[in-house]
Amino acid sequence: MAKTDNSKLVAIVSYITLIGWVIALVLNMQSKTKLGSFHIRQSLIIMLTGMILAWIPVLGWIVGIIVFIFWIIGLIAAINGQEKEVPIIGPLAQDWFKGL
């Protein structure tokens, strides 16, 4: 029986809340794929940016909208099976979280 490639599933699930991210990380550790790892890093930086900067008064609302747009960009790329970095923070994620 041939082993199925779950990279697209891992990529998509990584964007669905923190619990989805943890599930995607576990799935990716079992069968590591380039696409899965890429989106795990992207979704992590999006979540961290949102959690950290959302607490700043007024700026938090603006950042929240930008983070939501980045989340949509990342999710659409995952659905399409593309390795498309989100603007500004995407390259940082690929550099900072190489081990994931």
Protein backbone atom coordinates (compact mmCIF):
# COMPACT_ATOMS: atom_id res chain seq x y z
CA MET A 1 0.00 0.00 0.00
CA ALA A 2 1.42 3.39 -1.01
CA LYS A 3 1.99 6.03 1.62
CA THR A 4 -0.15 9.13 1.07
CA ASP A 5 1.33 12.61 1.09
CA ASN A 6 -0.36 14.61 3.83
CA SER A 7 1.64 17.81 3.27
CA LYS A 8 -1.34 19.82 2.03
CA LEU A 9 -3.47 18.66 4.97
CA VAL A 10 -0.72 19.63 7.43
CA ALA A 11 -0.36 23.02 5.72
CA ILE A 12 -4.08 23.78 5.94
CA VAL A 13 -4.59 22.50 9.50
CA SER A 14 -1.66 24.60 10.76
CA TYR A 15 -3.75 27.75 10.19
CA ILE A 16 -6.78 26.55 12.17
CA THR A 17 -6.22 27.84 15.72
CA LEU A 18 -3.39 26.95 18.07
CA ILE A 19 -4.80 23.44 18.52
CA GLY A 20 -4.73 22.93 14.76
CA TRP A 21 -1.14 24.16 14.70
CA VAL A 22 -0.13 21.60 17.34
CA ILE A 23 -1.91 18.82 15.41
CA ALA A 24 -0.15 19.90 12.22
CA LEU A 25 3.20 19.93 14.02
CA VAL A 26 2.67 16.36 15.31
CA LEU A 27 1.54 15.14 11.88
CA ASN A 28 4.53 16.79 10.25
CA MET A 29 6.95 15.22 12.75
CA GLN A 30 5.65 11.77 11.79
CA SER A 31 6.23 12.37 8.09
CA LYS A 32 8.13 15.63 7.53
CA THR A 33 7.37 17.47 4.29
CA LYS A 34 8.71 20.71 2.88
CA LEU A 35 5.23 22.21 2.32
CA GLY A 36 4.00 21.23 5.79
CA SER A 37 7.08 22.64 7.51
CA PHE A 38 6.86 25.86 5.50
CA HIS A 39 3.26 26.55 6.53
CA ILE A 40 3.83 25.52 10.14
CA ARG A 41 6.50 28.24 10.34
CA GLN A 42 4.29 30.80 8.54
CA SER A 43 1.25 30.18 10.74
CA LEU A 44 3.38 30.31 13.90
CA ILE A 45 4.77 33.76 13.09
CA ILE A 46 1.28 35.01 12.19
CA MET A 47 -0.14 33.76 15.51
CA LEU A 48 2.76 35.14 17.56
CA THR A 49 2.56 38.52 15.86
CA GLY A 50 -1.16 38.70 16.52
CA MET A 51 -0.87 37.64 20.16
CA ILE A 52 1.98 40.01 20.98
CA LEU A 53 0.94 43.15 19.10
CA ALA A 54 -2.82 42.89 19.66
CA TRP A 55 -2.38 44.21 23.22
CA ILE A 56 -1.16 47.63 22.09
CA PRO A 57 -4.02 50.14 22.31
CA VAL A 58 -5.31 51.47 18.95
CA LEU A 59 -2.37 49.96 17.08
CA GLY A 60 -3.68 46.54 18.14
CA TRP A 61 -6.80 46.98 15.99
CA ILE A 62 -4.77 47.90 12.94
CA VAL A 63 -2.31 45.08 13.54
CA GLY A 64 -5.23 42.71 14.09
CA ILE A 65 -6.64 43.52 10.66
CA ILE A 66 -3.22 43.14 9.03
CA VAL A 67 -2.62 39.81 10.81
CA PHE A 68 -6.04 38.60 9.65
CA ILE A 69 -5.12 39.49 6.07
CA PHE A 70 -1.81 37.63 6.45
CA TRP A 71 -3.73 34.63 7.83
CA ILE A 72 -6.01 34.64 4.76
CA ILE A 73 -2.98 34.89 2.42
CA GLY A 74 -1.28 31.98 4.19
CA LEU A 75 -4.40 29.82 4.27
CA ILE A 76 -5.10 30.37 0.57
CA ALA A 77 -1.48 29.47 -0.27
CA ALA A 78 -1.81 26.29 1.84
CA ILE A 79 -5.06 25.33 0.12
CA ASN A 80 -3.36 25.82 -3.25
CA GLY A 81 -0.30 23.84 -2.13
CA GLN A 82 2.02 26.84 -2.64
CA GLU A 83 4.96 27.99 -0.55
CA LYS A 84 4.09 31.68 -0.59
CA GLU A 85 5.52 33.82 2.20
CA VAL A 86 3.25 36.35 3.84
CA PRO A 87 4.50 39.94 3.48
CA ILE A 88 6.95 41.43 6.00
CA ILE A 89 6.97 38.64 8.62
CA GLY A 90 7.05 35.60 6.32
CA PRO A 91 10.78 35.66 5.59
CA LEU A 92 11.49 36.06 9.31
CA ALA A 93 9.52 32.91 10.08
CA GLN A 94 11.50 30.85 7.61
CA ASP A 95 14.73 32.09 9.15
CA TRP A 96 13.84 32.03 12.87
CA PHE A 97 11.98 28.71 12.95
CA LYS A 98 14.19 26.58 10.68
CA GLY A 99 14.01 23.64 13.09
CA LEU A 100 10.26 23.15 12.70
